[in-house]
Protein backbone atom coordinates (compact mmCIF):
# COMPACT_ATOMS: atom_id res chain seq x y z
CA MET A 1 106.85 115.12 115.01
CA ALA A 2 105.94 112.31 112.67
CA GLY A 3 105.62 114.47 109.95
CA ARG A 4 109.00 115.27 110.53
CA ALA A 5 109.88 111.93 110.59
CA LYS A 6 108.33 111.06 107.22
CA ALA A 7 110.17 113.62 105.44
CA ASN A 8 113.29 112.23 107.18
CA GLU A 9 111.77 109.00 105.44
CA PHE A 10 111.60 110.70 102.08
CA GLU A 11 114.94 112.17 102.32
CA ARG A 12 116.81 109.22 103.38
CA ALA A 13 114.98 107.39 100.18
CA PHE A 14 116.30 109.68 97.55
CA GLN A 15 119.92 109.77 99.16
CA GLN A 16 119.99 106.33 98.09
CA LEU A 17 118.76 106.91 95.04
CA GLU A 18 121.06 109.26 94.32
CA LYS A 19 123.44 107.00 95.38
CA ILE A 20 122.40 103.94 93.21
CA VAL A 21 122.28 106.34 89.95
CA GLN A 22 125.76 107.39 91.01
CA ARG A 23 126.73 103.87 90.98
CA LEU A 24 125.09 102.99 87.55
CA GLU A 25 126.62 106.08 85.53
CA SER A 26 130.26 105.54 87.11
CA GLU A 27 131.50 102.19 87.99
CA GLU A 28 131.84 99.00 85.38
CA LEU A 29 129.52 96.44 87.52
CA PRO A 30 128.48 93.22 86.99
CA LEU A 31 125.58 92.79 85.39
CA ASP A 32 123.40 90.70 88.68
CA GLU A 33 124.66 93.74 90.37
CA SER A 34 123.73 96.15 88.56
CA LEU A 35 120.11 94.63 87.63
CA GLN A 36 119.64 94.47 91.75
CA LEU A 37 120.81 98.26 91.76
CA PHE A 38 118.43 99.05 89.05
CA GLU A 39 115.57 97.34 90.52
CA GLU A 40 116.33 98.96 93.91
CA GLY A 41 116.68 102.29 92.39
CA ILE A 42 112.87 101.75 90.31
CA ARG A 43 111.71 100.81 94.14
CA LEU A 44 113.09 103.95 95.30
CA SER A 45 111.57 105.95 93.15
CA ARG A 46 107.95 104.78 92.98
CA PHE A 47 108.33 105.34 97.10
CA CYS A 48 109.43 108.79 96.66
CA ASN A 49 107.37 109.64 93.56
CA GLN A 50 104.10 108.29 95.97
CA LYS A 51 105.24 111.00 98.95
CA LEU A 52 105.75 113.73 96.77
CA GLU A 53 102.01 112.90 95.32
CA GLU A 54 100.83 112.65 99.12
CA VAL A 55 102.53 116.43 99.74
CA GLU A 56 100.85 117.94 96.66
CA LYS A 57 97.37 116.45 97.29
CA LYS A 58 97.96 117.62 100.86
CA ILE A 59 98.93 120.77 99.58
CA GLU A 60 95.63 121.02 97.23
CA LEU A 61 93.62 120.26 100.33
CA ILE A 62 95.24 123.34 102.12
CA LEU A 63 95.11 125.80 99.21
CA ALA A 64 91.21 124.99 98.13
CA ASP A 65 88.35 126.81 99.23
CA ALA A 66 85.54 128.17 97.45
CA LYS A 67 86.17 131.47 98.76
CA GLY A 68 89.83 131.48 97.89
CA GLN A 69 90.59 131.03 101.94
CA PRO A 70 92.81 128.55 102.97
CA VAL A 71 91.57 125.99 104.31
CA THR A 72 92.89 122.55 106.02
CA GLU A 73 91.33 119.24 105.80
CA PRO A 74 92.48 116.18 107.45
CA PHE A 75 94.33 113.74 105.16
CA GLU A 76 95.14 110.25 105.79
CA MET A 77 98.23 108.75 104.70
CA GLU A 78 99.23 105.17 104.11
CA GLU A 79 101.52 103.90 106.23
CA GLU A 80 104.39 101.97 104.59
CA PRO A 81 107.59 100.28 106.00
CA ALA A 82 110.13 102.18 105.18
CA PRO A 83 112.28 101.51 102.00
CA SER A 84 115.20 99.26 103.26
CA GLU A 85 112.11 97.17 105.08
CA GLU A 86 110.62 96.10 101.74
CA ARG A 87 113.62 94.40 100.15
CA ASP A 88 112.70 90.71 99.09
CA GLU A 89 115.31 88.67 98.79
């Protein structure tokens, strides 16, 4: 169940990022609001990229074996607060 929560966390962050991109591309926003959205978008982008890198490493661990056999090994993932909890204001 923890894996599902992590996947949902990634999906939520990615959806937020998509909404931010749409707003920045389609609306005439004040400079301050645009900057705030841009900063949030960068933070979400980094968060999503980190999660994708973690998944990639896990896949490499599953697929790697000297004999070509799939093998799994423990994979430690760092716990991070959800994207909405990191906001500095």
